Amino acid sequence: MMEVSEPLDFEHKDRKDIYEFVERHGTVPKEKAYEELFSREERRFRHQLALLKRDGYIEENDGVLRVSFEPHGKKEDFEEGEIGFTIRPARQEDLGGVISAIREVVEEKRHIVAESVAEQIDHQDVLLRHNEIGSRVFFVALVEEDVVGWAHIEAKEMDKLSHTAEVTFGVIEEYRGNGVGKRLFERTLEWSSSKGYEKLYQSVPATNEEAIEFLERNGCEVESRRKRHYKIGGEYVDEVMLAIYL
């Protein structure tokens, strides 16, 4: 299975075209990819697709293609506090649940970066990304089948930034205090360390004292503060950037 942080190297334009088509759409029926990219050259398409699947770039399930990366694909079940919940890698099918959870949290006006992430994935209609510009990975916390929290990791492919990644976390208010955020944070550290990232950072409004306290309690340190960076409800608010070194 492809490592998310590895550079892309397809060795053939046909393979690159198929991968980029699938990555851009999130999931796509195999027949649609064939029809739009190769017209009547079925043998050529199937040969290049087979090589992409062999090399771990693409996976197929019931005739549907997707980019083949699941960061530490294990699913973990927890019983903590008053609830049971599951932490696992997000899939394209979680897109709506992730957007809904983020927007419920950002209504508190304390997660500005996460609000931008929600707008981006909603506009693109794609949850996970891995291309020559960068990678976007999510973990989700589920109670039964409902997304109640997320961890988001965004990394650039530029050499000078390839050791760092930006993160956001959030848990719907009614599920806080049950260890959900802590488990999401731990899973993010585990995955990021395994991929060779050296620094994770998150920026939040200074008014989000709960998030700052959570991050500091879990090993992050305040690295910078930008004065009057946000304007929330007509009031200027500082931005606080926290980071953790792995």
C-alpha atoms as a PDB file:
ATOM      1  CA  MET A   1       0.000   0.000   0.000  1.00  0.00           C
ATOM      2  CA  MET A   2       1.321   3.425  -0.932  1.00  0.00           C
ATOM      3  CA  GLU A   3       2.831   5.560   1.816  1.00  0.00           C
ATOM      4  CA  VAL A   4       1.038   8.913   1.873  1.00  0.00           C
ATOM      5  CA  SER A   5       4.235  10.926   2.291  1.00  0.00           C
ATOM      6  CA  GLU A   6       6.108   9.240  -0.582  1.00  0.00           C
ATOM      7  CA  PRO A   7       6.599  11.214  -3.822  1.00  0.00           C
ATOM      8  CA  LEU A   8       4.560  10.073  -6.804  1.00  0.00           C
ATOM      9  CA  ASP A   9       6.436   8.289  -9.590  1.00  0.00           C
ATOM     10  CA  PHE A  10       4.310   6.644 -12.272  1.00  0.00           C
ATOM     11  CA  GLU A  11       6.916   6.074 -15.012  1.00  0.00           C
ATOM     12  CA  HIS A  12       4.186   6.297 -17.663  1.00  0.00           C
ATOM     13  CA  LYS A  13       1.782   9.070 -18.705  1.00  0.00           C
ATOM     14  CA  ASP A  14      -1.211   6.700 -18.917  1.00  0.00           C
ATOM     15  CA  ARG A  15      -0.743   5.666 -15.284  1.00  0.00           C
ATOM     16  CA  LYS A  16      -0.367   9.286 -14.233  1.00  0.00           C
ATOM     17  CA  ASP A  17      -3.575  10.231 -16.080  1.00  0.00           C
ATOM     18  CA  ILE A  18      -5.579   7.433 -14.440  1.00  0.00           C
ATOM     19  CA  TYR A  19      -4.259   8.207 -10.958  1.00  0.00           C
ATOM     20  CA  GLU A  20      -4.925  11.946 -11.240  1.00  0.00           C
ATOM     21  CA  PHE A  21      -8.448  11.322 -12.554  1.00  0.00           C
ATOM     22  CA  VAL A  22      -9.275   9.071  -9.596  1.00  0.00           C
ATOM     23  CA  GLU A  23      -7.549  11.316  -7.040  1.00  0.00           C
ATOM     24  CA  ARG A  24      -9.413  14.351  -8.326  1.00  0.00           C
ATOM     25  CA  HIS A  25     -12.802  12.632  -7.990  1.00  0.00           C
ATOM     26  CA  GLY A  26     -12.230  10.828  -4.681  1.00  0.00           C
ATOM     27  CA  THR A  27     -14.004   7.719  -5.965  1.00  0.00           C
ATOM     28  CA  VAL A  28     -14.951   6.937  -9.545  1.00  0.00           C
ATOM     29  CA  PRO A  29     -16.553   3.953 -11.322  1.00  0.00           C
ATOM     30  CA  LYS A  30     -13.947   2.046 -13.306  1.00  0.00           C
ATOM     31  CA  GLU A  31     -16.044   2.223 -16.452  1.00  0.00           C
ATOM     32  CA  LYS A  32     -16.301   6.002 -16.205  1.00  0.00           C
ATOM     33  CA  ALA A  33     -12.511   6.319 -15.970  1.00  0.00           C
ATOM     34  CA  TYR A  34     -12.138   4.027 -18.968  1.00  0.00           C
ATOM     35  CA  GLU A  35     -14.686   5.869 -21.090  1.00  0.00           C
ATOM     36  CA  GLU A  36     -13.395   9.360 -20.325  1.00  0.00           C
ATOM     37  CA  LEU A  37      -9.688   8.615 -20.557  1.00  0.00           C
ATOM     38  CA  PHE A  38      -9.244   5.820 -23.071  1.00  0.00           C
ATOM     39  CA  SER A  39     -12.374   5.609 -25.189  1.00  0.00           C
ATOM     40  CA  ARG A  40     -12.171   2.245 -26.991  1.00  0.00           C
ATOM     41  CA  GLU A  41      -8.644   1.262 -25.906  1.00  0.00           C
ATOM     42  CA  GLU A  42      -9.803  -1.132 -23.196  1.00  0.00           C
ATOM     43  CA  ARG A  43      -6.726  -3.354 -23.208  1.00  0.00           C
ATOM     44  CA  ARG A  44      -4.426  -0.371 -22.734  1.00  0.00           C
ATOM     45  CA  PHE A  45      -6.570   0.951 -19.874  1.00  0.00           C
ATOM     46  CA  ARG A  46      -6.799  -2.369 -18.057  1.00  0.00           C
ATOM     47  CA  HIS A  47      -3.053  -2.952 -18.370  1.00  0.00           C
ATOM     48  CA  GLN A  48      -2.123   0.426 -16.876  1.00  0.00           C
ATOM     49  CA  LEU A  49      -4.780   0.138 -14.164  1.00  0.00           C
ATOM     50  CA  ALA A  50      -3.443  -3.304 -13.219  1.00  0.00           C
ATOM     51  CA  LEU A  51       0.030  -1.823 -12.782  1.00  0.00           C
ATOM     52  CA  LEU A  52      -1.326   0.997 -10.600  1.00  0.00           C
ATOM     53  CA  LYS A  53      -3.127  -1.560  -8.433  1.00  0.00           C
ATOM     54  CA  ARG A  54      -0.051  -3.784  -8.267  1.00  0.00           C
ATOM     55  CA  ASP A  55       2.123  -0.868  -7.135  1.00  0.00           C
ATOM     56  CA  GLY A  56      -0.379   0.197  -4.468  1.00  0.00           C
ATOM     57  CA  TYR A  57      -1.531   3.482  -6.007  1.00  0.00           C
ATOM     58  CA  ILE A  58      -5.131   2.496  -6.785  1.00  0.00           C
ATOM     59  CA  GLU A  59      -7.562   0.047  -5.218  1.00  0.00           C
ATOM     60  CA  GLU A  60     -10.849  -1.263  -6.574  1.00  0.00           C
ATOM     61  CA  ASN A  61     -13.966  -2.359  -4.733  1.00  0.00           C
ATOM     62  CA  ASP A  62     -17.114  -3.476  -6.561  1.00  0.00           C
ATOM     63  CA  GLY A  63     -16.017  -1.707  -9.726  1.00  0.00           C
ATOM     64  CA  VAL A  64     -15.232   1.584  -7.961  1.00  0.00           C
ATOM     65  CA  LEU A  65     -11.703   3.020  -7.978  1.00  0.00           C
ATOM     66  CA  ARG A  66     -10.079   5.105  -5.255  1.00  0.00           C
ATOM     67  CA  VAL A  67      -6.605   6.251  -4.300  1.00  0.00           C
ATOM     68  CA  SER A  68      -5.075   3.448  -2.256  1.00  0.00           C
ATOM     69  CA  PHE A  69      -3.878   4.901   0.985  1.00  0.00           C
ATOM     70  CA  GLU A  70      -5.240   4.366   4.439  1.00  0.00           C
ATOM     71  CA  PRO A  71      -2.926   5.705   7.122  1.00  0.00           C
ATOM     72  CA  HIS A  72      -2.482   2.865   9.599  1.00  0.00           C
ATOM     73  CA  GLY A  73      -5.692   1.227   8.396  1.00  0.00           C
ATOM     74  CA  LYS A  74      -6.579  -0.289  11.751  1.00  0.00           C
ATOM     75  CA  LYS A  75      -9.861   0.463  13.499  1.00  0.00           C
ATOM     76  CA  GLU A  76      -9.707   0.956  17.270  1.00  0.00           C
ATOM     77  CA  ASP A  77     -12.664   0.673  19.645  1.00  0.00           C
ATOM     78  CA  PHE A  78     -12.750   2.439  23.006  1.00  0.00           C
ATOM     79  CA  GLU A  79     -15.023   2.471  26.038  1.00  0.00           C
ATOM     80  CA  GLU A  80     -14.242   5.634  27.990  1.00  0.00           C
ATOM     81  CA  GLY A  81     -16.253   8.002  30.090  1.00  0.00           C
ATOM     82  CA  GLU A  82     -19.899   7.458  29.302  1.00  0.00           C
ATOM     83  CA  ILE A  83     -19.625   6.360  25.677  1.00  0.00           C
ATOM     84  CA  GLY A  84     -18.130   3.792  23.340  1.00  0.00           C
ATOM     85  CA  PHE A  85     -16.471   5.103  20.197  1.00  0.00           C
ATOM     86  CA  THR A  86     -14.305   4.039  17.281  1.00  0.00           C
ATOM     87  CA  ILE A  87     -11.233   5.728  15.786  1.00  0.00           C
ATOM     88  CA  ARG A  88     -10.320   4.827  12.211  1.00  0.00           C
ATOM     89  CA  PRO A  89      -8.939   6.357   9.003  1.00  0.00           C
ATOM     90  CA  ALA A  90     -11.529   8.370   7.124  1.00  0.00           C
ATOM     91  CA  ARG A  91     -12.836   7.246   3.753  1.00  0.00           C
ATOM     92  CA  GLN A  92     -14.432   9.216   0.933  1.00  0.00           C
ATOM     93  CA  GLU A  93     -17.799   7.982   2.175  1.00  0.00           C
ATOM     94  CA  ASP A  94     -17.231   9.950   5.404  1.00  0.00           C
ATOM     95  CA  LEU A  95     -17.141  13.270   3.553  1.00  0.00           C
ATOM     96  CA  GLY A  96     -20.619  14.425   4.575  1.00  0.00           C
ATOM     97  CA  GLY A  97     -20.176  13.362   8.193  1.00  0.00           C
ATOM     98  CA  VAL A  98     -16.833  15.140   8.481  1.00  0.00           C
ATOM     99  CA  ILE A  99     -18.195  18.359   6.984  1.00  0.00           C
ATOM    100  CA  SER A 100     -21.198  18.223   9.320  1.00  0.00           C
ATOM    101  CA  ALA A 101     -19.021  17.647  12.412  1.00  0.00           C
ATOM    102  CA  ILE A 102     -16.598  20.439  11.515  1.00  0.00           C
ATOM    103  CA  ARG A 103     -19.394  22.908  10.851  1.00  0.00           C
ATOM    104  CA  GLU A 104     -21.102  22.065  14.121  1.00  0.00           C
ATOM    105  CA  VAL A 105     -17.868  22.763  15.990  1.00  0.00           C
ATOM    106  CA  VAL A 106     -16.939  25.920  14.079  1.00  0.00           C
ATOM    107  CA  GLU A 107     -20.327  27.446  14.864  1.00  0.00           C
ATOM    108  CA  GLU A 108     -18.660  28.237  18.190  1.00  0.00           C
ATOM    109  CA  LYS A 109     -16.393  30.576  16.119  1.00  0.00           C
ATOM    110  CA  ARG A 110     -13.236  29.149  17.661  1.00  0.00           C
ATOM    111  CA  HIS A 111     -11.829  26.967  14.849  1.00  0.00           C
ATOM    112  CA  ILE A 112     -11.028  29.280  11.944  1.00  0.00           C
ATOM    113  CA  VAL A 113      -8.628  26.956  10.105  1.00  0.00           C
ATOM    114  CA  ALA A 114     -11.047  24.044  10.443  1.00  0.00           C
ATOM    115  CA  GLU A 115     -13.797  26.212   8.950  1.00  0.00           C
ATOM    116  CA  SER A 116     -11.574  26.783   5.916  1.00  0.00           C
ATOM    117  CA  VAL A 117     -10.920  23.024   5.668  1.00  0.00           C
ATOM    118  CA  ALA A 118     -14.657  22.303   5.654  1.00  0.00           C
ATOM    119  CA  GLU A 119     -15.231  24.803   2.859  1.00  0.00           C
ATOM    120  CA  GLN A 120     -12.379  23.309   0.847  1.00  0.00           C
ATOM    121  CA  ILE A 121     -13.453  19.670   1.043  1.00  0.00           C
ATOM    122  CA  ASP A 122     -17.085  20.616   0.426  1.00  0.00           C
ATOM    123  CA  HIS A 123     -16.114  22.579  -2.680  1.00  0.00           C
ATOM    124  CA  GLN A 124     -13.827  19.835  -3.996  1.00  0.00           C
ATOM    125  CA  ASP A 125     -16.229  17.047  -2.972  1.00  0.00           C
ATOM    126  CA  VAL A 126     -13.103  15.038  -2.077  1.00  0.00           C
ATOM    127  CA  LEU A 127     -12.011  14.174   1.457  1.00  0.00           C
ATOM    128  CA  LEU A 128      -8.544  12.650   1.008  1.00  0.00           C
ATOM    129  CA  ARG A 129      -5.835  13.987  -1.281  1.00  0.00           C
ATOM    130  CA  HIS A 130      -2.389  12.845  -2.340  1.00  0.00           C
ATOM    131  CA  ASN A 131      -0.818  14.524  -5.331  1.00  0.00           C
ATOM    132  CA  GLU A 132       2.315  16.392  -6.377  1.00  0.00           C
ATOM    133  CA  ILE A 133       1.280  19.446  -4.347  1.00  0.00           C
ATOM    134  CA  GLY A 134       0.498  17.812  -1.025  1.00  0.00           C
ATOM    135  CA  SER A 135      -1.447  15.307   1.042  1.00  0.00           C
ATOM    136  CA  ARG A 136      -4.637  15.583   3.097  1.00  0.00           C
ATOM    137  CA  VAL A 137      -5.537  12.846   5.572  1.00  0.00           C
ATOM    138  CA  PHE A 138      -8.364  12.499   8.093  1.00  0.00           C
ATOM    139  CA  PHE A 139      -9.092  10.255  11.033  1.00  0.00           C
ATOM    140  CA  VAL A 140     -12.636  10.101  12.350  1.00  0.00           C
ATOM    141  CA  ALA A 141     -14.213   9.301  15.696  1.00  0.00           C
ATOM    142  CA  LEU A 142     -17.485   7.434  15.352  1.00  0.00           C
ATOM    143  CA  VAL A 143     -20.279   6.736  17.815  1.00  0.00           C
ATOM    144  CA  GLU A 144     -22.132   3.926  16.090  1.00  0.00           C
ATOM    145  CA  GLU A 145     -21.906   5.225  12.499  1.00  0.00           C
ATOM    146  CA  ASP A 146     -22.028   8.966  13.238  1.00  0.00           C
ATOM    147  CA  VAL A 147     -18.911  11.143  12.919  1.00  0.00           C
ATOM    148  CA  VAL A 148     -18.523  12.925  16.266  1.00  0.00           C
ATOM    149  CA  GLY A 149     -14.918  14.102  15.899  1.00  0.00           C
ATOM    150  CA  TRP A 150     -12.087  14.408  13.420  1.00  0.00           C
ATOM    151  CA  ALA A 151      -8.338  14.829  13.109  1.00  0.00           C
ATOM    152  CA  HIS A 152      -7.060  16.440   9.916  1.00  0.00           C
ATOM    153  CA  ILE A 153      -3.465  16.428   8.697  1.00  0.00           C
ATOM    154  CA  GLU A 154      -2.333  18.613   5.784  1.00  0.00           C
ATOM    155  CA  ALA A 155       1.211  18.315   4.415  1.00  0.00           C
ATOM    156  CA  LYS A 156       3.024  20.040   1.555  1.00  0.00           C
ATOM    157  CA  GLU A 157       5.269  18.179  -0.865  1.00  0.00           C
ATOM    158  CA  MET A 158       7.822  21.028  -1.007  1.00  0.00           C
ATOM    159  CA  ASP A 159      11.225  19.824   0.230  1.00  0.00           C
ATOM    160  CA  LYS A 160      11.593  22.765   2.597  1.00  0.00           C
ATOM    161  CA  LEU A 161       8.263  21.972   4.287  1.00  0.00           C
ATOM    162  CA  SER A 162       8.128  18.189   3.890  1.00  0.00           C
ATOM    163  CA  HIS A 163       9.042  17.584   7.540  1.00  0.00           C
ATOM    164  CA  THR A 164       6.041  19.557   8.846  1.00  0.00           C
ATOM    165  CA  ALA A 165       2.270  19.145   8.748  1.00  0.00           C
ATOM    166  CA  GLU A 166      -0.656  21.319   9.816  1.00  0.00           C
ATOM    167  CA  VAL A 167      -3.367  19.695  11.904  1.00  0.00           C
ATOM    168  CA  THR A 168      -6.855  20.444  13.136  1.00  0.00           C
ATOM    169  CA  PHE A 169      -8.900  18.543  15.705  1.00  0.00           C
ATOM    170  CA  GLY A 170     -12.452  18.797  16.881  1.00  0.00           C
ATOM    171  CA  VAL A 171     -15.116  16.922  18.816  1.00  0.00           C
ATOM    172  CA  ILE A 172     -18.834  17.732  18.859  1.00  0.00           C
ATOM    173  CA  GLU A 173     -19.642  19.361  22.187  1.00  0.00           C
ATOM    174  CA  GLU A 174     -21.928  16.673  23.611  1.00  0.00           C
ATOM    175  CA  TYR A 175     -19.173  14.042  23.243  1.00  0.00           C
ATOM    176  CA  ARG A 176     -16.351  16.016  24.868  1.00  0.00           C
ATOM    177  CA  GLY A 177     -14.888  14.882  28.154  1.00  0.00           C
ATOM    178  CA  ASN A 178     -14.896  11.212  27.153  1.00  0.00           C
ATOM    179  CA  GLY A 179     -11.365  10.904  25.791  1.00  0.00           C
ATOM    180  CA  VAL A 180     -12.337  11.248  22.131  1.00  0.00           C
ATOM    181  CA  GLY A 181     -10.037  14.195  21.437  1.00  0.00           C
ATOM    182  CA  LYS A 182      -7.127  12.577  23.267  1.00  0.00           C
ATOM    183  CA  ARG A 183      -7.452   9.377  21.241  1.00  0.00           C
ATOM    184  CA  LEU A 184      -7.638  11.312  17.979  1.00  0.00           C
ATOM    185  CA  PHE A 185      -4.538  13.257  18.992  1.00  0.00           C
ATOM    186  CA  GLU A 186      -2.640  10.075  19.867  1.00  0.00           C
ATOM    187  CA  ARG A 187      -3.583   8.465  16.560  1.00  0.00           C
ATOM    188  CA  THR A 188      -2.391  11.562  14.690  1.00  0.00           C
ATOM    189  CA  LEU A 189       0.980  11.495  16.451  1.00  0.00           C
ATOM    190  CA  GLU A 190       1.361   7.783  15.758  1.00  0.00           C
ATOM    191  CA  TRP A 191       0.640   8.155  12.065  1.00  0.00           C
ATOM    192  CA  SER A 192       2.717  11.321  11.606  1.00  0.00           C
ATOM    193  CA  SER A 193       5.727   9.812  13.329  1.00  0.00           C
ATOM    194  CA  SER A 194       5.514   6.675  11.179  1.00  0.00           C
ATOM    195  CA  LYS A 195       5.552   8.835   8.027  1.00  0.00           C
ATOM    196  CA  GLY A 196       8.659  10.752   9.106  1.00  0.00           C
ATOM    197  CA  TYR A 197       7.095  14.105   9.974  1.00  0.00           C
ATOM    198  CA  GLU A 198       9.084  15.996  12.580  1.00  0.00           C
ATOM    199  CA  LYS A 199       6.729  18.820  13.520  1.00  0.00           C
ATOM    200  CA  LEU A 200       2.949  19.235  13.753  1.00  0.00           C
ATOM    201  CA  TYR A 201       1.355  22.626  14.244  1.00  0.00           C
ATOM    202  CA  GLN A 202      -2.096  24.092  14.741  1.00  0.00           C
ATOM    203  CA  SER A 203      -3.287  27.690  14.790  1.00  0.00           C
ATOM    204  CA  VAL A 204      -6.323  28.752  16.829  1.00  0.00           C
ATOM    205  CA  PRO A 205      -7.871  32.036  17.981  1.00  0.00           C
ATOM    206  CA  ALA A 206      -6.620  33.135  21.392  1.00  0.00           C
ATOM    207  CA  THR A 207     -10.236  33.038  22.586  1.00  0.00           C
ATOM    208  CA  ASN A 208     -10.279  29.248  22.134  1.00  0.00           C
ATOM    209  CA  GLU A 209      -8.812  28.612  25.559  1.00  0.00           C
ATOM    210  CA  GLU A 210     -10.203  25.072  25.684  1.00  0.00           C
ATOM    211  CA  ALA A 211      -8.251  24.037  22.552  1.00  0.00           C
ATOM    212  CA  ILE A 212      -5.060  25.744  23.738  1.00  0.00           C
ATOM    213  CA  GLU A 213      -5.261  23.996  27.097  1.00  0.00           C
ATOM    214  CA  PHE A 214      -5.945  20.650  25.396  1.00  0.00           C
ATOM    215  CA  LEU A 215      -2.958  20.987  23.072  1.00  0.00           C
ATOM    216  CA  GLU A 216      -0.620  22.090  25.850  1.00  0.00           C
ATOM    217  CA  ARG A 217      -1.803  19.249  28.058  1.00  0.00           C
ATOM    218  CA  ASN A 218      -0.877  16.841  25.263  1.00  0.00           C
ATOM    219  CA  GLY A 219       2.648  18.125  24.719  1.00  0.00           C
ATOM    220  CA  CYS A 220       2.267  21.121  22.400  1.00  0.00           C
ATOM    221  CA  GLU A 221       3.963  24.451  23.062  1.00  0.00           C
ATOM    222  CA  VAL A 222       3.001  27.967  22.001  1.00  0.00           C
ATOM    223  CA  GLU A 223       5.460  29.058  19.318  1.00  0.00           C
ATOM    224  CA  SER A 224       4.021  32.316  18.061  1.00  0.00           C
ATOM    225  CA  ARG A 225       1.203  34.803  18.448  1.00  0.00           C
ATOM    226  CA  ARG A 226      -0.065  37.088  15.702  1.00  0.00           C
ATOM    227  CA  LYS A 227      -1.828  40.161  16.995  1.00  0.00           C
ATOM    228  CA  ARG A 228      -5.343  41.009  15.785  1.00  0.00           C
ATOM    229  CA  HIS A 229      -5.145  38.290  13.125  1.00  0.00           C
ATOM    230  CA  TYR A 230      -8.846  37.364  13.225  1.00  0.00           C
ATOM    231  CA  LYS A 231     -11.961  39.482  13.393  1.00  0.00           C
ATOM    232  CA  ILE A 232     -14.689  37.517  15.125  1.00  0.00           C
ATOM    233  CA  GLY A 233     -18.056  39.066  15.890  1.00  0.00           C
ATOM    234  CA  GLY A 234     -16.630  42.509  15.213  1.00  0.00           C
ATOM    235  CA  GLU A 235     -13.764  42.005  17.686  1.00  0.00           C
ATOM    236  CA  TYR A 236     -10.085  41.587  16.829  1.00  0.00           C
ATOM    237  CA  VAL A 237      -8.599  38.349  18.135  1.00  0.00           C
ATOM    238  CA  ASP A 238      -4.990  37.153  18.238  1.00  0.00           C
ATOM    239  CA  GLU A 239      -3.929  33.941  16.505  1.00  0.00           C
ATOM    240  CA  VAL A 240      -1.955  31.451  18.618  1.00  0.00           C
ATOM    241  CA  MET A 241       0.193  28.809  16.888  1.00  0.00           C
ATOM    242  CA  LEU A 242       1.097  25.716  18.886  1.00  0.00           C
ATOM    243  CA  ALA A 243       3.436  22.940  17.803  1.00  0.00           C
ATOM    244  CA  ILE A 244       4.751  19.582  18.883  1.00  0.00           C
ATOM    245  CA  TYR A 245       8.039  17.990  17.777  1.00  0.00           C
ATOM    246  CA  LEU A 246       8.044  14.253  17.138  1.00  0.00           C
END
